[in-house]
C-alpha atoms as a PDB file:
ATOM      1  CA  MET A   1    -105.748  22.385 285.844  1.00  0.00           C
ATOM      2  CA  LYS A   2    -102.035  23.288 285.665  1.00  0.00           C
ATOM      3  CA  ARG A   3    -101.123  19.669 286.378  1.00  0.00           C
ATOM      4  CA  LEU A   4    -103.009  18.514 283.293  1.00  0.00           C
ATOM      5  CA  PHE A   5    -101.997  21.411 281.075  1.00  0.00           C
ATOM      6  CA  LEU A   6     -98.187  21.141 281.347  1.00  0.00           C
ATOM      7  CA  PRO A   7     -97.984  17.409 280.511  1.00  0.00           C
ATOM      8  CA  ALA A   8    -100.349  17.983 277.587  1.00  0.00           C
ATOM      9  CA  VAL A   9     -98.139  20.798 276.268  1.00  0.00           C
ATOM     10  CA  PHE A  10     -95.001  18.676 276.672  1.00  0.00           C
ATOM     11  CA  LEU A  11     -96.630  15.713 274.911  1.00  0.00           C
ATOM     12  CA  THR A  12     -97.767  17.934 272.043  1.00  0.00           C
ATOM     13  CA  ILE A  13     -94.303  19.441 271.595  1.00  0.00           C
ATOM     14  CA  PHE A  14     -92.566  16.060 271.857  1.00  0.00           C
ATOM     15  CA  SER A  15     -94.879  14.337 269.381  1.00  0.00           C
ATOM     16  CA  GLY A  16     -94.478  17.287 267.015  1.00  0.00           C
ATOM     17  CA  MET A  17     -90.701  16.908 267.195  1.00  0.00           C
ATOM     18  CA  GLN A  18     -90.980  13.200 266.437  1.00  0.00           C
ATOM     19  CA  SER A  19     -93.108  13.777 263.367  1.00  0.00           C
ATOM     20  CA  PHE A  20     -90.745  16.543 262.227  1.00  0.00           C
ATOM     21  CA  ALA A  21     -87.763  14.169 262.397  1.00  0.00           C
ATOM     22  CA  ALA A  22     -89.565  11.398 260.526  1.00  0.00           C
ATOM     23  CA  PHE A  23     -90.060  11.259 256.786  1.00  0.00           C
ATOM     24  CA  ASP A  24     -92.462   9.320 254.607  1.00  0.00           C
ATOM     25  CA  TYR A  25     -90.330   6.744 252.817  1.00  0.00           C
ATOM     26  CA  ASN A  26     -93.032   6.170 250.175  1.00  0.00           C
ATOM     27  CA  GLN A  27     -92.843   9.842 249.250  1.00  0.00           C
ATOM     28  CA  SER A  28     -89.048   9.546 249.173  1.00  0.00           C
ATOM     29  CA  VAL A  29     -89.306   6.560 246.824  1.00  0.00           C
ATOM     30  CA  ASP A  30     -91.456   8.653 244.496  1.00  0.00           C
ATOM     31  CA  GLU A  31     -89.083  11.638 244.687  1.00  0.00           C
ATOM     32  CA  ALA A  32     -86.106   9.409 243.908  1.00  0.00           C
ATOM     33  CA  ALA A  33     -87.804   7.670 240.965  1.00  0.00           C
ATOM     34  CA  ILE A  34     -90.345  10.078 239.439  1.00  0.00           C
ATOM     35  CA  ASP A  35     -87.875  11.503 236.933  1.00  0.00           C
ATOM     36  CA  PRO A  36     -85.774   8.665 235.559  1.00  0.00           C
ATOM     37  CA  LEU A  37     -82.777  10.920 234.878  1.00  0.00           C
ATOM     38  CA  THR A  38     -82.669  12.802 238.191  1.00  0.00           C
ATOM     39  CA  ALA A  39     -83.448  12.308 241.876  1.00  0.00           C
ATOM     40  CA  TYR A  40     -85.095  14.780 244.237  1.00  0.00           C
ATOM     41  CA  HIS A  41     -85.091  17.325 241.369  1.00  0.00           C
ATOM     42  CA  THR A  42     -81.533  18.289 242.425  1.00  0.00           C
ATOM     43  CA  LEU A  43     -79.313  15.287 241.716  1.00  0.00           C
ATOM     44  CA  TYR A  44     -78.334  14.501 238.140  1.00  0.00           C
ATOM     45  CA  LEU A  45     -75.518  13.006 236.110  1.00  0.00           C
ATOM     46  CA  GLY A  46     -72.878  15.555 235.196  1.00  0.00           C
ATOM     47  CA  MET A  47     -73.504  17.812 238.174  1.00  0.00           C
ATOM     48  CA  PRO A  48     -70.411  19.007 240.059  1.00  0.00           C
ATOM     49  CA  ARG A  49     -69.395  16.986 243.106  1.00  0.00           C
ATOM     50  CA  SER A  50     -69.383  20.209 245.131  1.00  0.00           C
ATOM     51  CA  ASP A  51     -73.107  20.732 244.382  1.00  0.00           C
ATOM     52  CA  PHE A  52     -73.957  17.293 245.785  1.00  0.00           C
ATOM     53  CA  SER A  53     -71.850  18.060 248.863  1.00  0.00           C
ATOM     54  CA  ALA A  54     -73.484  21.456 249.315  1.00  0.00           C
ATOM     55  CA  ASN A  55     -77.015  20.080 248.894  1.00  0.00           C
ATOM     56  CA  PHE A  56     -76.808  17.102 251.243  1.00  0.00           C
ATOM     57  CA  SER A  57     -74.362  18.315 253.893  1.00  0.00           C
ATOM     58  CA  VAL A  58     -76.743  21.057 255.065  1.00  0.00           C
ATOM     59  CA  LEU A  59     -79.923  18.983 255.359  1.00  0.00           C
ATOM     60  CA  SER A  60     -80.654  18.456 259.044  1.00  0.00           C
ATOM     61  CA  ASP A  61     -82.277  15.034 258.715  1.00  0.00           C
ATOM     62  CA  TRP A  62     -79.501  13.603 256.508  1.00  0.00           C
ATOM     63  CA  THR A  63     -76.067  12.424 257.649  1.00  0.00           C
ATOM     64  CA  PHE A  64     -73.445  13.307 255.045  1.00  0.00           C
ATOM     65  CA  TYR A  65     -70.320  11.173 254.515  1.00  0.00           C
ATOM     66  CA  SER A  66     -67.280  12.310 252.582  1.00  0.00           C
ATOM     67  CA  ARG A  67     -63.579  11.575 252.396  1.00  0.00           C
ATOM     68  CA  PRO A  68     -61.455  13.993 250.360  1.00  0.00           C
ATOM     69  CA  GLU A  69     -59.453  11.134 248.810  1.00  0.00           C
ATOM     70  CA  ALA A  70     -62.503   9.046 247.778  1.00  0.00           C
ATOM     71  CA  LEU A  71     -64.400   9.136 244.489  1.00  0.00           C
ATOM     72  CA  THR A  72     -67.648   8.398 246.346  1.00  0.00           C
ATOM     73  CA  GLU A  73     -69.715  10.569 248.689  1.00  0.00           C
ATOM     74  CA  TRP A  74     -73.023   9.615 250.252  1.00  0.00           C
ATOM     75  CA  ALA A  75     -75.785  10.687 252.617  1.00  0.00           C
ATOM     76  CA  GLU A  76     -78.344   8.732 254.639  1.00  0.00           C
ATOM     77  CA  ARG A  77     -81.380   9.272 256.807  1.00  0.00           C
ATOM     78  CA  SER A  78     -83.671   6.884 258.663  1.00  0.00           C
ATOM     79  CA  THR A  79     -87.258   6.788 259.827  1.00  0.00           C
ATOM     80  CA  VAL A  80     -89.413   4.438 261.861  1.00  0.00           C
ATOM     81  CA  ALA A  81     -93.126   4.096 261.128  1.00  0.00           C
ATOM     82  CA  ASN A  82     -95.359   1.338 262.471  1.00  0.00           C
ATOM     83  CA  ASP A  83     -92.317  -0.435 263.937  1.00  0.00           C
ATOM     84  CA  VAL A  84     -90.638  -0.532 260.519  1.00  0.00           C
ATOM     85  CA  LYS A  85     -87.266   1.173 260.146  1.00  0.00           C
ATOM     86  CA  VAL A  86     -86.284   2.327 256.671  1.00  0.00           C
ATOM     87  CA  THR A  87     -82.941   3.911 255.847  1.00  0.00           C
ATOM     88  CA  GLU A  88     -82.803   5.993 252.694  1.00  0.00           C
ATOM     89  CA  GLY A  89     -79.460   6.727 251.123  1.00  0.00           C
ATOM     90  CA  VAL A  90     -77.925   8.335 248.094  1.00  0.00           C
ATOM     91  CA  SER A  91     -74.361   8.003 246.847  1.00  0.00           C
ATOM     92  CA  VAL A  92     -72.477   9.598 243.984  1.00  0.00           C
ATOM     93  CA  TYR A  93     -69.433   8.427 242.043  1.00  0.00           C
ATOM     94  CA  THR A  94     -67.267  11.122 240.447  1.00  0.00           C
ATOM     95  CA  GLU A  95     -64.468  11.112 237.891  1.00  0.00           C
ATOM     96  CA  THR A  96     -61.918  12.615 240.325  1.00  0.00           C
ATOM     97  CA  THR A  97     -61.882  13.901 243.893  1.00  0.00           C
ATOM     98  CA  ALA A  98     -61.867  17.549 242.798  1.00  0.00           C
ATOM     99  CA  ALA A  99     -64.812  19.753 243.781  1.00  0.00           C
ATOM    100  CA  LYS A 100     -65.472  20.452 240.078  1.00  0.00           C
ATOM    101  CA  ALA A 101     -65.480  16.721 239.227  1.00  0.00           C
ATOM    102  CA  ARG A 102     -68.644  15.574 237.483  1.00  0.00           C
ATOM    103  CA  VAL A 103     -71.021  12.945 238.843  1.00  0.00           C
ATOM    104  CA  LEU A 104     -70.721   9.902 236.550  1.00  0.00           C
ATOM    105  CA  ALA A 105     -73.124   7.651 238.472  1.00  0.00           C
ATOM    106  CA  PHE A 106     -75.448   7.914 241.421  1.00  0.00           C
ATOM    107  CA  GLU A 107     -77.481   5.453 243.410  1.00  0.00           C
ATOM    108  CA  ASN A 108     -80.507   5.790 245.639  1.00  0.00           C
ATOM    109  CA  TYR A 109     -81.075   2.953 248.059  1.00  0.00           C
ATOM    110  CA  PHE A 110     -83.614   1.952 250.654  1.00  0.00           C
ATOM    111  CA  LYS A 111     -82.713  -0.486 253.437  1.00  0.00           C
ATOM    112  CA  THR A 112     -85.008  -2.302 255.868  1.00  0.00           C
ATOM    113  CA  ASP A 113     -85.035  -5.564 257.784  1.00  0.00           C
ATOM    114  CA  LYS A 114     -88.616  -6.288 256.618  1.00  0.00           C
ATOM    115  CA  LYS A 115     -88.708  -8.230 253.353  1.00  0.00           C
ATOM    116  CA  LYS A 116     -92.331  -7.305 252.562  1.00  0.00           C
ATOM    117  CA  VAL A 117     -91.515  -3.615 252.960  1.00  0.00           C
ATOM    118  CA  ALA A 118     -88.483  -3.971 250.665  1.00  0.00           C
ATOM    119  CA  GLN A 119     -90.624  -5.794 248.079  1.00  0.00           C
ATOM    120  CA  ALA A 120     -93.233  -3.025 248.260  1.00  0.00           C
ATOM    121  CA  ILE A 121     -90.531  -0.370 247.800  1.00  0.00           C
ATOM    122  CA  TYR A 122     -89.133  -2.266 244.783  1.00  0.00           C
ATOM    123  CA  SER A 123     -92.604  -2.528 243.209  1.00  0.00           C
ATOM    124  CA  ARG A 124     -93.289   1.156 243.837  1.00  0.00           C
ATOM    125  CA  ILE A 125     -89.984   2.197 242.253  1.00  0.00           C
ATOM    126  CA  ILE A 126     -90.658   0.033 239.186  1.00  0.00           C
ATOM    127  CA  ALA A 127     -94.174   1.464 238.777  1.00  0.00           C
ATOM    128  CA  THR A 128     -92.950   5.039 239.247  1.00  0.00           C
ATOM    129  CA  ILE A 129     -90.139   4.678 236.715  1.00  0.00           C
ATOM    130  CA  TYR A 130     -92.433   2.908 234.220  1.00  0.00           C
ATOM    131  CA  ALA A 131     -94.702   5.960 234.339  1.00  0.00           C
ATOM    132  CA  GLY A 132     -91.809   8.309 233.556  1.00  0.00           C
ATOM    133  CA  VAL A 133     -89.903   6.556 230.776  1.00  0.00           C
ATOM    134  CA  GLU A 134     -90.631   6.505 227.070  1.00  0.00           C
ATOM    135  CA  ASP A 135     -89.598   2.921 226.385  1.00  0.00           C
ATOM    136  CA  PHE A 136     -90.029  -0.510 227.864  1.00  0.00           C
ATOM    137  CA  PRO A 137     -87.173  -1.913 229.927  1.00  0.00           C
ATOM    138  CA  GLU A 138     -84.199  -3.096 227.917  1.00  0.00           C
ATOM    139  CA  SER A 139     -83.959  -6.127 230.187  1.00  0.00           C
ATOM    140  CA  GLN A 140     -85.786  -7.502 233.178  1.00  0.00           C
ATOM    141  CA  SER A 141     -85.663 -10.443 235.523  1.00  0.00           C
ATOM    142  CA  GLY A 142     -87.270 -11.301 238.825  1.00  0.00           C
ATOM    143  CA  ASN A 143     -84.856  -9.090 240.732  1.00  0.00           C
ATOM    144  CA  GLN A 144     -83.698  -6.390 238.310  1.00  0.00           C
ATOM    145  CA  MET A 145     -85.013  -4.080 235.597  1.00  0.00           C
ATOM    146  CA  THR A 146     -82.870  -1.997 233.263  1.00  0.00           C
ATOM    147  CA  TRP A 147     -83.897   0.953 231.117  1.00  0.00           C
ATOM    148  CA  VAL A 148     -81.778   2.961 228.710  1.00  0.00           C
ATOM    149  CA  GLN A 149     -82.835   6.575 228.190  1.00  0.00           C
ATOM    150  CA  LYS A 150     -80.592   8.485 225.783  1.00  0.00           C
ATOM    151  CA  ASP A 151     -77.061   8.029 227.150  1.00  0.00           C
ATOM    152  CA  VAL A 152     -78.194   7.027 230.655  1.00  0.00           C
ATOM    153  CA  THR A 153     -78.796   3.538 232.010  1.00  0.00           C
ATOM    154  CA  ILE A 154     -81.199   3.092 234.926  1.00  0.00           C
ATOM    155  CA  VAL A 155     -81.007  -0.149 236.907  1.00  0.00           C
ATOM    156  CA  VAL A 156     -83.465  -1.025 239.681  1.00  0.00           C
ATOM    157  CA  SER A 157     -82.559  -4.078 241.735  1.00  0.00           C
ATOM    158  CA  PHE A 158     -83.699  -6.100 244.732  1.00  0.00           C
ATOM    159  CA  ASP A 159     -82.339  -9.620 245.173  1.00  0.00           C
ATOM    160  CA  GLY A 160     -84.578 -10.593 248.099  1.00  0.00           C
ATOM    161  CA  LYS A 161     -81.609 -11.528 250.283  1.00  0.00           C
ATOM    162  CA  LYS A 162     -80.343  -9.863 253.423  1.00  0.00           C
ATOM    163  CA  ALA A 163     -77.009  -8.079 253.183  1.00  0.00           C
ATOM    164  CA  ASP A 164     -74.264  -8.601 255.753  1.00  0.00           C
ATOM    165  CA  ASP A 165     -75.837  -5.956 257.996  1.00  0.00           C
ATOM    166  CA  GLY A 166     -79.137  -7.893 258.113  1.00  0.00           C
ATOM    167  CA  GLN A 167     -80.946  -5.443 255.830  1.00  0.00           C
ATOM    168  CA  TYR A 168     -82.739  -5.912 252.527  1.00  0.00           C
ATOM    169  CA  ILE A 169     -81.566  -3.309 250.022  1.00  0.00           C
ATOM    170  CA  VAL A 170     -83.484  -1.884 247.063  1.00  0.00           C
ATOM    171  CA  ARG A 171     -81.357   0.162 244.649  1.00  0.00           C
ATOM    172  CA  ILE A 172     -81.882   2.588 241.786  1.00  0.00           C
ATOM    173  CA  ARG A 173     -78.601   3.146 239.964  1.00  0.00           C
ATOM    174  CA  ARG A 174     -78.129   5.623 237.146  1.00  0.00           C
ATOM    175  CA  TYR A 175     -74.957   5.953 235.132  1.00  0.00           C
ATOM    176  CA  ASN A 176     -73.625   7.544 231.976  1.00  0.00           C
ATOM    177  CA  ASN A 177     -73.314   4.941 229.197  1.00  0.00           C
ATOM    178  CA  SER A 178     -70.464   6.682 227.421  1.00  0.00           C
ATOM    179  CA  VAL A 179     -68.265   6.596 230.542  1.00  0.00           C
ATOM    180  CA  LEU A 180     -69.388   3.665 232.690  1.00  0.00           C
ATOM    181  CA  LYS A 181     -70.752   0.205 232.066  1.00  0.00           C
ATOM    182  CA  ALA A 182     -72.906  -1.880 234.430  1.00  0.00           C
END
């Protein structure tokens, strides 16, 4: 009995740890796109750079990247489900490198080596944003849609081509119209 019990306990603990480390990228897509002007209910244009750093540097499943001299900071996490790896990332662009500097633009991105998965993520983002905006897109093409909400531009893009790292990338970029242009 003990011989069967210990492996069963180990397997239960190990599989629980694996599911704890994984995240549902479809839920992440929704959280990144549900409110067109924010992401994850914590990231927004105008927020202090230090708040972004504080939020994402303490999350155990995210890897946070920062250089004191750079205007950009970012964080990433990855998951594998059904043999499909998806990397989710978020980056911010600030006016200066100071901790009090304001976020002028931020981008959520999803990377995978599976084109069908990237296309599904792109379609899900578009549908989620459509549900949350007041107006139709200002412009759209086969690989990009752009909305303007107040003084914020939202651009969702997927060009269907692999990047240099062999990944397809789907992006949601938000920026302040009065400061930045596409």
